[in-house]
Amino acid sequence: MKNINSNYAHIKVLYIEDDKLVRTMVQERLEEFVNELYVAENGDEGLSLFKSKNPNLIITDLNMPVMSGIEFIKKIRSIDSSVPVIVTSALTDVDSFVKSIELKVDKYILKPFSPDEVLGAIDIMSRQIILSQLSTAFFELESVSHEQLEIGRASCRERV
């Protein structure tokens, strides 16, 4: 049974993890809370899902086969520099942290972790996503010309 928090209702999550046990555990927990969840086993699959599903939050491991998390994030940032990214990784070396900072990763969660730690990070990111969506909607509304508004009003009057 889904327990979708109203803060999560508009969040589309892409989760990338190569470890099947970790992936299944986190996936099952996330499915209880988020409306749309896309899951991939490596960065290459994740990139395909990102392009086709347009998620507004990414959770990714760093150390993966086919395409590393760092390479994946670089490609994502070239497409969308603002999508929030949460990293879940066992890597604790300075180089991994520095690369993550340079790529503007929003949160770095060290393994082992509990799925609730990921949910806590999603909660923080959900506010950022909602503000971004509201800002986009506001600017789209603001860009509607006065003439377009009059056409819309006239159309509404005709229907009544």
N, C-alpha and C. Protein backbone atom coordinates (compact mmCIF):
# COMPACT_ATOMS: atom_id res chain seq x y z
N MET A 1 0.84 -1.19 0.00
CA MET A 1 0.00 0.00 0.00
C MET A 1 0.88 1.25 0.00
N LYS A 2 0.62 2.13 -0.93
CA LYS A 2 1.41 3.35 -1.01
C LYS A 2 0.98 4.33 0.06
N ASN A 3 1.96 4.98 0.62
CA ASN A 3 1.76 5.98 1.66
C ASN A 3 2.32 7.28 1.12
N ILE A 4 1.81 7.72 -0.04
CA ILE A 4 2.41 8.86 -0.72
C ILE A 4 2.19 10.14 0.07
N ASN A 5 3.31 10.70 0.50
CA ASN A 5 3.32 11.98 1.18
C ASN A 5 2.98 13.04 0.14
N SER A 6 2.14 14.00 0.50
CA SER A 6 1.76 15.02 -0.47
C SER A 6 2.97 15.77 -1.01
N ASN A 7 4.05 15.84 -0.23
CA ASN A 7 5.28 16.47 -0.72
C ASN A 7 5.94 15.64 -1.81
N TYR A 8 5.64 14.35 -1.87
CA TYR A 8 6.27 13.45 -2.84
C TYR A 8 5.39 13.19 -4.06
N ALA A 9 4.17 13.67 -4.07
CA ALA A 9 3.20 13.31 -5.11
C ALA A 9 3.67 13.68 -6.52
N HIS A 10 4.45 14.73 -6.66
CA HIS A 10 4.89 15.17 -7.98
C HIS A 10 6.35 14.83 -8.25
N ILE A 11 6.91 13.99 -7.43
CA ILE A 11 8.32 13.66 -7.58
C ILE A 11 8.47 12.36 -8.36
N LYS A 12 9.28 12.42 -9.41
CA LYS A 12 9.61 11.24 -10.21
C LYS A 12 11.07 10.92 -9.92
N VAL A 13 11.30 9.76 -9.31
CA VAL A 13 12.64 9.39 -8.86
C VAL A 13 13.27 8.37 -9.81
N LEU A 14 14.52 8.62 -10.15
CA LEU A 14 15.34 7.65 -10.86
C LEU A 14 16.36 7.12 -9.86
N TYR A 15 16.33 5.81 -9.62
CA TYR A 15 17.23 5.17 -8.65
C TYR A 15 18.16 4.22 -9.40
N ILE A 16 19.47 4.42 -9.23
CA ILE A 16 20.46 3.61 -9.93
C ILE A 16 21.38 2.95 -8.91
N GLU A 17 21.39 1.62 -8.93
CA GLU A 17 22.20 0.83 -7.98
C GLU A 17 22.52 -0.51 -8.61
N ASP A 18 23.80 -0.90 -8.61
CA ASP A 18 24.18 -2.18 -9.23
C ASP A 18 24.06 -3.36 -8.28
N ASP A 19 24.09 -3.12 -6.97
CA ASP A 19 23.97 -4.21 -6.00
C ASP A 19 22.50 -4.60 -5.86
N LYS A 20 22.18 -5.83 -6.29
CA LYS A 20 20.78 -6.26 -6.34
C LYS A 20 20.10 -6.21 -4.98
N LEU A 21 20.78 -6.65 -3.94
CA LEU A 21 20.20 -6.68 -2.60
C LEU A 21 19.86 -5.26 -2.13
N VAL A 22 20.81 -4.35 -2.25
CA VAL A 22 20.59 -2.95 -1.85
C VAL A 22 19.50 -2.33 -2.71
N ARG A 23 19.57 -2.57 -4.02
CA ARG A 23 18.59 -2.00 -4.95
C ARG A 23 17.17 -2.43 -4.58
N THR A 24 17.00 -3.73 -4.32
CA THR A 24 15.67 -4.26 -3.98
C THR A 24 15.16 -3.68 -2.67
N MET A 25 16.03 -3.61 -1.67
CA MET A 25 15.64 -3.10 -0.36
C MET A 25 15.18 -1.64 -0.46
N VAL A 26 15.97 -0.82 -1.14
CA VAL A 26 15.64 0.60 -1.25
C VAL A 26 14.44 0.79 -2.17
N GLN A 27 14.38 0.04 -3.26
CA GLN A 27 13.27 0.15 -4.19
C GLN A 27 11.94 -0.14 -3.49
N GLU A 28 11.90 -1.20 -2.71
CA GLU A 28 10.66 -1.55 -2.00
C GLU A 28 10.22 -0.44 -1.06
N ARG A 29 11.18 0.18 -0.40
CA ARG A 29 10.84 1.27 0.53
C ARG A 29 10.39 2.52 -0.24
N LEU A 30 11.09 2.84 -1.30
CA LEU A 30 10.73 4.03 -2.08
C LEU A 30 9.35 3.89 -2.71
N GLU A 31 9.04 2.68 -3.17
CA GLU A 31 7.73 2.45 -3.80
C GLU A 31 6.56 2.74 -2.87
N GLU A 32 6.81 2.67 -1.57
CA GLU A 32 5.76 2.99 -0.60
C GLU A 32 5.47 4.49 -0.55
N PHE A 33 6.44 5.30 -0.95
CA PHE A 33 6.33 6.73 -0.73
C PHE A 33 6.26 7.59 -1.98
N VAL A 34 6.92 7.19 -3.04
CA VAL A 34 6.94 8.06 -4.23
C VAL A 34 5.94 7.56 -5.26
N ASN A 35 5.47 8.48 -6.05
CA ASN A 35 4.45 8.17 -7.05
C ASN A 35 5.04 7.46 -8.26
N GLU A 36 6.18 7.93 -8.73
CA GLU A 36 6.82 7.34 -9.90
C GLU A 36 8.26 7.02 -9.55
N LEU A 37 8.66 5.76 -9.78
CA LEU A 37 10.02 5.31 -9.50
C LEU A 37 10.53 4.51 -10.68
N TYR A 38 11.69 4.93 -11.18
CA TYR A 38 12.35 4.23 -12.27
C TYR A 38 13.66 3.69 -11.71
N VAL A 39 13.97 2.44 -12.02
CA VAL A 39 15.13 1.78 -11.43
C VAL A 39 16.06 1.26 -12.52
N ALA A 40 17.36 1.48 -12.33
CA ALA A 40 18.37 1.01 -13.28
C ALA A 40 19.50 0.34 -12.52
N GLU A 41 20.22 -0.55 -13.22
CA GLU A 41 21.33 -1.29 -12.62
C GLU A 41 22.67 -0.64 -12.85
N ASN A 42 22.76 0.32 -13.77
CA ASN A 42 24.04 1.00 -14.04
C ASN A 42 23.77 2.36 -14.66
N GLY A 43 24.82 3.14 -14.80
CA GLY A 43 24.67 4.50 -15.32
C GLY A 43 24.15 4.57 -16.74
N ASP A 44 24.51 3.60 -17.57
CA ASP A 44 24.03 3.59 -18.94
C ASP A 44 22.51 3.41 -19.00
N GLU A 45 22.00 2.44 -18.24
CA GLU A 45 20.54 2.25 -18.16
C GLU A 45 19.89 3.49 -17.56
N GLY A 46 20.54 4.05 -16.54
CA GLY A 46 20.01 5.24 -15.90
C GLY A 46 19.90 6.41 -16.85
N LEU A 47 20.91 6.58 -17.71
CA LEU A 47 20.90 7.68 -18.68
C LEU A 47 19.74 7.51 -19.66
N SER A 48 19.51 6.29 -20.13
CA SER A 48 18.37 6.04 -21.02
C SER A 48 17.05 6.37 -20.34
N LEU A 49 16.90 5.94 -19.08
CA LEU A 49 15.68 6.24 -18.34
C LEU A 49 15.53 7.74 -18.09
N PHE A 50 16.64 8.41 -17.81
CA PHE A 50 16.59 9.86 -17.58
C PHE A 50 16.05 10.56 -18.82
N LYS A 51 16.55 10.17 -19.98
CA LYS A 51 16.13 10.82 -21.23
C LYS A 51 14.67 10.51 -21.57
N SER A 52 14.21 9.30 -21.26
CA SER A 52 12.85 8.93 -21.64
C SER A 52 11.79 9.29 -20.59
N LYS A 53 12.16 9.30 -19.33
CA LYS A 53 11.17 9.51 -18.26
C LYS A 53 11.23 10.90 -17.63
N ASN A 54 12.34 11.62 -17.81
CA ASN A 54 12.49 12.97 -17.28
C ASN A 54 12.20 13.07 -15.78
N PRO A 55 12.91 12.28 -14.96
CA PRO A 55 12.67 12.35 -13.52
C PRO A 55 13.15 13.70 -12.96
N ASN A 56 12.61 14.07 -11.82
CA ASN A 56 13.05 15.33 -11.21
C ASN A 56 13.87 15.11 -9.95
N LEU A 57 14.30 13.87 -9.71
CA LEU A 57 15.22 13.55 -8.62
C LEU A 57 15.97 12.28 -8.98
N ILE A 58 17.28 12.29 -8.75
CA ILE A 58 18.12 11.13 -9.06
C ILE A 58 18.82 10.67 -7.79
N ILE A 59 18.81 9.35 -7.59
CA ILE A 59 19.57 8.72 -6.52
C ILE A 59 20.48 7.72 -7.20
N THR A 60 21.79 7.85 -7.01
CA THR A 60 22.71 6.98 -7.73
C THR A 60 23.89 6.55 -6.88
N ASP A 61 24.34 5.33 -7.15
CA ASP A 61 25.59 4.82 -6.62
C ASP A 61 26.70 5.43 -7.47
N LEU A 62 27.94 5.38 -6.99
CA LEU A 62 29.06 5.86 -7.79
C LEU A 62 29.83 4.73 -8.46
N ASN A 63 30.08 3.66 -7.72
CA ASN A 63 30.91 2.57 -8.21
C ASN A 63 30.03 1.52 -8.87
N MET A 64 29.89 1.62 -10.22
CA MET A 64 29.02 0.72 -10.96
C MET A 64 29.70 0.28 -12.25
N PRO A 65 29.28 -0.88 -12.78
CA PRO A 65 29.82 -1.31 -14.08
C PRO A 65 29.19 -0.52 -15.22
N VAL A 66 29.72 -0.68 -16.39
CA VAL A 66 29.26 -0.08 -17.64
C VAL A 66 29.51 1.44 -17.66
N MET A 67 28.91 2.18 -16.75
CA MET A 67 29.14 3.62 -16.63
C MET A 67 29.11 3.97 -15.15
N SER A 68 30.17 4.58 -14.67
CA SER A 68 30.24 4.94 -13.25
C SER A 68 29.22 6.02 -12.92
N GLY A 69 28.95 6.16 -11.64
CA GLY A 69 28.04 7.21 -11.20
C GLY A 69 28.55 8.60 -11.54
N ILE A 70 29.87 8.80 -11.43
CA ILE A 70 30.45 10.11 -11.75
C ILE A 70 30.23 10.43 -13.23
N GLU A 71 30.50 9.46 -14.12
CA GLU A 71 30.28 9.69 -15.55
C GLU A 71 28.79 9.95 -15.83
N PHE A 72 27.93 9.19 -15.17
CA PHE A 72 26.50 9.37 -15.33
C PHE A 72 26.10 10.79 -14.92
N ILE A 73 26.56 11.23 -13.75
CA ILE A 73 26.19 12.57 -13.27
C ILE A 73 26.71 13.65 -14.23
N LYS A 74 27.93 13.48 -14.75
CA LYS A 74 28.47 14.44 -15.73
C LYS A 74 27.54 14.56 -16.93
N LYS A 75 27.06 13.42 -17.43
CA LYS A 75 26.17 13.44 -18.60
C LYS A 75 24.83 14.07 -18.25
N ILE A 76 24.33 13.78 -17.07
CA ILE A 76 23.07 14.38 -16.63
C ILE A 76 23.21 15.89 -16.51
N ARG A 77 24.31 16.33 -15.90
CA ARG A 77 24.52 17.77 -15.72
C ARG A 77 24.62 18.50 -17.06
N SER A 78 25.10 17.83 -18.10
CA SER A 78 25.17 18.48 -19.41
C SER A 78 23.77 18.61 -20.03
N ILE A 79 22.84 17.79 -19.57
CA ILE A 79 21.46 17.85 -20.06
C ILE A 79 20.62 18.77 -19.18
N ASP A 80 20.75 18.61 -17.86
CA ASP A 80 19.95 19.37 -16.89
C ASP A 80 20.83 19.64 -15.67
N SER A 81 21.27 20.86 -15.54
CA SER A 81 22.19 21.20 -14.44
C SER A 81 21.48 21.39 -13.11
N SER A 82 20.15 21.40 -13.11
CA SER A 82 19.44 21.71 -11.87
C SER A 82 18.78 20.51 -11.19
N VAL A 83 18.73 19.36 -11.85
CA VAL A 83 18.04 18.21 -11.24
C VAL A 83 18.81 17.78 -9.99
N PRO A 84 18.12 17.64 -8.86
CA PRO A 84 18.79 17.23 -7.63
C PRO A 84 19.33 15.80 -7.74
N VAL A 85 20.54 15.60 -7.20
CA VAL A 85 21.18 14.29 -7.23
C VAL A 85 21.61 13.92 -5.82
N ILE A 86 21.19 12.71 -5.41
CA ILE A 86 21.61 12.13 -4.14
C ILE A 86 22.52 10.96 -4.48
N VAL A 87 23.71 10.95 -3.89
CA VAL A 87 24.64 9.84 -4.10
C VAL A 87 24.59 8.92 -2.89
N THR A 88 24.52 7.61 -3.17
CA THR A 88 24.64 6.60 -2.12
C THR A 88 25.87 5.78 -2.48
N SER A 89 26.90 5.81 -1.63
CA SER A 89 28.14 5.15 -2.02
C SER A 89 28.95 4.71 -0.81
N ALA A 90 29.73 3.66 -1.03
CA ALA A 90 30.68 3.20 -0.02
C ALA A 90 32.01 3.91 -0.19
N LEU A 91 32.17 4.66 -1.28
CA LEU A 91 33.43 5.36 -1.54
C LEU A 91 33.59 6.53 -0.58
N THR A 92 34.71 6.51 0.15
CA THR A 92 34.97 7.58 1.12
C THR A 92 36.26 8.32 0.81
N ASP A 93 36.82 8.09 -0.38
CA ASP A 93 38.07 8.76 -0.73
C ASP A 93 37.81 10.22 -1.09
N VAL A 94 38.82 11.03 -0.90
CA VAL A 94 38.72 12.47 -1.14
C VAL A 94 38.34 12.75 -2.59
N ASP A 95 38.90 12.00 -3.53
CA ASP A 95 38.64 12.22 -4.95
C ASP A 95 37.14 12.09 -5.26
N SER A 96 36.49 11.07 -4.69
CA SER A 96 35.04 10.88 -4.92
C SER A 96 34.24 12.05 -4.36
N PHE A 97 34.62 12.52 -3.18
CA PHE A 97 33.93 13.66 -2.58
C PHE A 97 34.12 14.92 -3.42
N VAL A 98 35.36 15.16 -3.84
CA VAL A 98 35.65 16.37 -4.62
C VAL A 98 34.90 16.35 -5.95
N LYS A 99 34.92 15.21 -6.64
CA LYS A 99 34.19 15.11 -7.91
C LYS A 99 32.69 15.32 -7.69
N SER A 100 32.17 14.79 -6.60
CA SER A 100 30.74 14.98 -6.29
C SER A 100 30.42 16.44 -6.04
N ILE A 101 31.30 17.12 -5.32
CA ILE A 101 31.10 18.55 -5.05
C ILE A 101 31.16 19.34 -6.36
N GLU A 102 32.14 19.03 -7.20
CA GLU A 102 32.28 19.72 -8.47
C GLU A 102 31.05 19.53 -9.36
N LEU A 103 30.42 18.37 -9.24
CA LEU A 103 29.21 18.08 -10.04
C LEU A 103 27.93 18.55 -9.35
N LYS A 104 28.10 19.25 -8.25
CA LYS A 104 26.98 19.83 -7.50
C LYS A 104 25.97 18.79 -7.03
N VAL A 105 26.51 17.68 -6.49
CA VAL A 105 25.65 16.66 -5.88
C VAL A 105 25.00 17.29 -4.65
N ASP A 106 23.73 17.05 -4.46
CA ASP A 106 22.98 17.67 -3.37
C ASP A 106 23.15 16.97 -2.03
N LYS A 107 23.37 15.67 -2.07
CA LYS A 107 23.49 14.90 -0.83
C LYS A 107 24.36 13.68 -1.10
N TYR A 108 25.22 13.33 -0.14
CA TYR A 108 26.11 12.16 -0.25
C TYR A 108 25.83 11.29 0.96
N ILE A 109 25.26 10.11 0.73
CA ILE A 109 24.93 9.19 1.82
C ILE A 109 25.88 8.00 1.75
N LEU A 110 26.60 7.78 2.84
CA LEU A 110 27.57 6.69 2.89
C LEU A 110 26.89 5.35 3.16
N LYS A 111 27.37 4.32 2.46
CA LYS A 111 26.92 2.95 2.71
C LYS A 111 27.73 2.39 3.86
N PRO A 112 27.15 1.54 4.65
CA PRO A 112 25.75 1.09 4.61
C PRO A 112 24.83 2.17 5.16
N PHE A 113 23.62 2.21 4.64
CA PHE A 113 22.63 3.19 5.06
C PHE A 113 21.28 2.50 5.17
N SER A 114 20.35 3.16 5.81
CA SER A 114 18.99 2.62 5.88
C SER A 114 18.15 3.34 4.82
N PRO A 115 17.15 2.67 4.29
CA PRO A 115 16.26 3.34 3.33
C PRO A 115 15.64 4.62 3.89
N ASP A 116 15.46 4.67 5.21
CA ASP A 116 14.89 5.88 5.81
C ASP A 116 15.83 7.08 5.68
N GLU A 117 17.15 6.84 5.62
CA GLU A 117 18.09 7.94 5.38
C GLU A 117 17.84 8.53 4.00
N VAL A 118 17.56 7.66 3.04
CA VAL A 118 17.27 8.13 1.68
C VAL A 118 15.96 8.91 1.68
N LEU A 119 14.96 8.42 2.39
CA LEU A 119 13.68 9.13 2.47
C LEU A 119 13.86 10.51 3.11
N GLY A 120 14.73 10.60 4.12
CA GLY A 120 15.01 11.90 4.73
C GLY A 120 15.62 12.87 3.73
N ALA A 121 16.52 12.37 2.91
CA ALA A 121 17.14 13.22 1.87
C ALA A 121 16.10 13.61 0.83
N ILE A 122 15.22 12.68 0.46
CA ILE A 122 14.16 12.99 -0.50
C ILE A 122 13.25 14.07 0.07
N ASP A 123 12.97 14.01 1.36
CA ASP A 123 12.12 15.01 1.99
C ASP A 123 12.71 16.41 1.82
N ILE A 124 14.01 16.52 2.04
CA ILE A 124 14.68 17.81 1.86
C ILE A 124 14.64 18.24 0.39
N MET A 125 14.93 17.32 -0.51
CA MET A 125 14.94 17.63 -1.94
C MET A 125 13.54 17.94 -2.45
N SER A 126 12.50 17.34 -1.85
CA SER A 126 11.13 17.57 -2.32
C SER A 126 10.77 19.05 -2.22
N ARG A 127 11.23 19.69 -1.21
CA ARG A 127 10.95 21.14 -1.06
C ARG A 127 11.59 21.92 -2.20
N GLN A 128 12.83 21.55 -2.53
CA GLN A 128 13.55 22.21 -3.63
C GLN A 128 12.82 21.96 -4.95
N ILE A 129 12.34 20.74 -5.16
CA ILE A 129 11.65 20.39 -6.40
C ILE A 129 10.33 21.16 -6.50
N ILE A 130 9.58 21.22 -5.42
CA ILE A 130 8.30 21.94 -5.42
C ILE A 130 8.53 23.42 -5.71
N LEU A 131 9.54 24.02 -5.09
CA LEU A 131 9.85 25.43 -5.35
C LEU A 131 10.23 25.65 -6.81
N SER A 132 11.00 24.73 -7.36
CA SER A 132 11.40 24.83 -8.76
C SER A 132 10.19 24.72 -9.68
N GLN A 133 9.28 23.79 -9.38
CA GLN A 133 8.07 23.63 -10.19
C GLN A 133 7.19 24.87 -10.10
N LEU A 134 7.04 25.42 -8.90
CA LEU A 134 6.24 26.63 -8.73
C LEU A 134 6.86 27.81 -9.47
N SER A 135 8.18 27.93 -9.39
CA SER A 135 8.88 29.00 -10.08
C SER A 135 8.70 28.90 -11.58
N THR A 136 8.83 27.68 -12.11
CA THR A 136 8.64 27.47 -13.55
C THR A 136 7.21 27.82 -13.96
N ALA A 137 6.24 27.37 -13.18
CA ALA A 137 4.84 27.67 -13.48
C ALA A 137 4.57 29.17 -13.44
N PHE A 138 5.17 29.85 -12.46
CA PHE A 138 4.98 31.30 -12.33
C PHE A 138 5.54 32.02 -13.55
N PHE A 139 6.76 31.65 -13.97
CA PHE A 139 7.37 32.32 -15.12
C PHE A 139 6.62 32.01 -16.41
N GLU A 140 6.08 30.80 -16.52
CA GLU A 140 5.28 30.47 -17.69
C GLU A 140 4.00 31.30 -17.70
N LEU A 141 3.38 31.45 -16.54
CA LEU A 141 2.16 32.24 -16.44
C LEU A 141 2.45 33.71 -16.70
N GLU A 142 3.58 34.18 -16.17
CA GLU A 142 3.95 35.58 -16.35
C GLU A 142 4.24 35.90 -17.82
N SER A 143 4.71 34.91 -18.56
CA SER A 143 5.05 35.15 -19.96
C SER A 143 3.84 35.16 -20.89
N VAL A 144 2.69 34.77 -20.37
CA VAL A 144 1.47 34.82 -21.17
C VAL A 144 1.11 36.29 -21.39
N SER A 145 0.94 36.65 -22.62
CA SER A 145 0.68 38.06 -22.94
C SER A 145 -0.75 38.44 -22.55
N HIS A 146 -0.96 39.72 -22.42
CA HIS A 146 -2.28 40.26 -22.09
C HIS A 146 -3.30 39.84 -23.17
N GLU A 147 -2.84 39.87 -24.42
CA GLU A 147 -3.72 39.48 -25.54
C GLU A 147 -4.12 38.00 -25.42
N GLN A 148 -3.19 37.13 -25.04
CA GLN A 148 -3.50 35.72 -24.88
C GLN A 148 -4.51 35.51 -23.74
N LEU A 149 -4.38 36.31 -22.69
CA LEU A 149 -5.34 36.22 -21.58
C LEU A 149 -6.73 36.60 -22.04
N GLU A 150 -6.84 37.65 -22.85
CA GLU A 150 -8.14 38.08 -23.36
C GLU A 150 -8.76 37.02 -24.26
N ILE A 151 -7.95 36.38 -25.07
CA ILE A 151 -8.44 35.30 -25.94
C ILE A 151 -8.97 34.16 -25.07
N GLY A 152 -8.23 33.81 -24.01
CA GLY A 152 -8.66 32.75 -23.10
C GLY A 152 -9.96 33.10 -22.39
N ARG A 153 -10.09 34.35 -21.95
CA ARG A 153 -11.32 34.79 -21.28
C ARG A 153 -12.50 34.71 -22.24
N ALA A 154 -12.29 35.17 -23.47
CA ALA A 154 -13.37 35.14 -24.46
C ALA A 154 -13.79 33.70 -24.74
N SER A 155 -12.83 32.81 -24.83
CA SER A 155 -13.13 31.40 -25.06
C SER A 155 -13.95 30.81 -23.91
N CYS A 156 -13.61 31.19 -22.69
CA CYS A 156 -14.36 30.72 -21.52
C CYS A 156 -15.79 31.25 -21.54
N ARG A 157 -15.96 32.52 -21.93
CA ARG A 157 -17.30 33.12 -21.98
C ARG A 157 -18.16 32.41 -23.02
N GLU A 158 -17.54 32.02 -24.14
CA GLU A 158 -18.29 31.32 -25.19
C GLU A 158 -18.81 29.98 -24.71
N ARG A 159 -18.05 29.31 -23.88
CA ARG A 159 -18.45 28.00 -23.38
C ARG A 159 -19.62 28.11 -22.40
N VAL A 160 -19.73 29.25 -21.71
CA VAL A 160 -20.77 29.42 -20.70
C VAL A 160 -22.03 29.85 -21.31
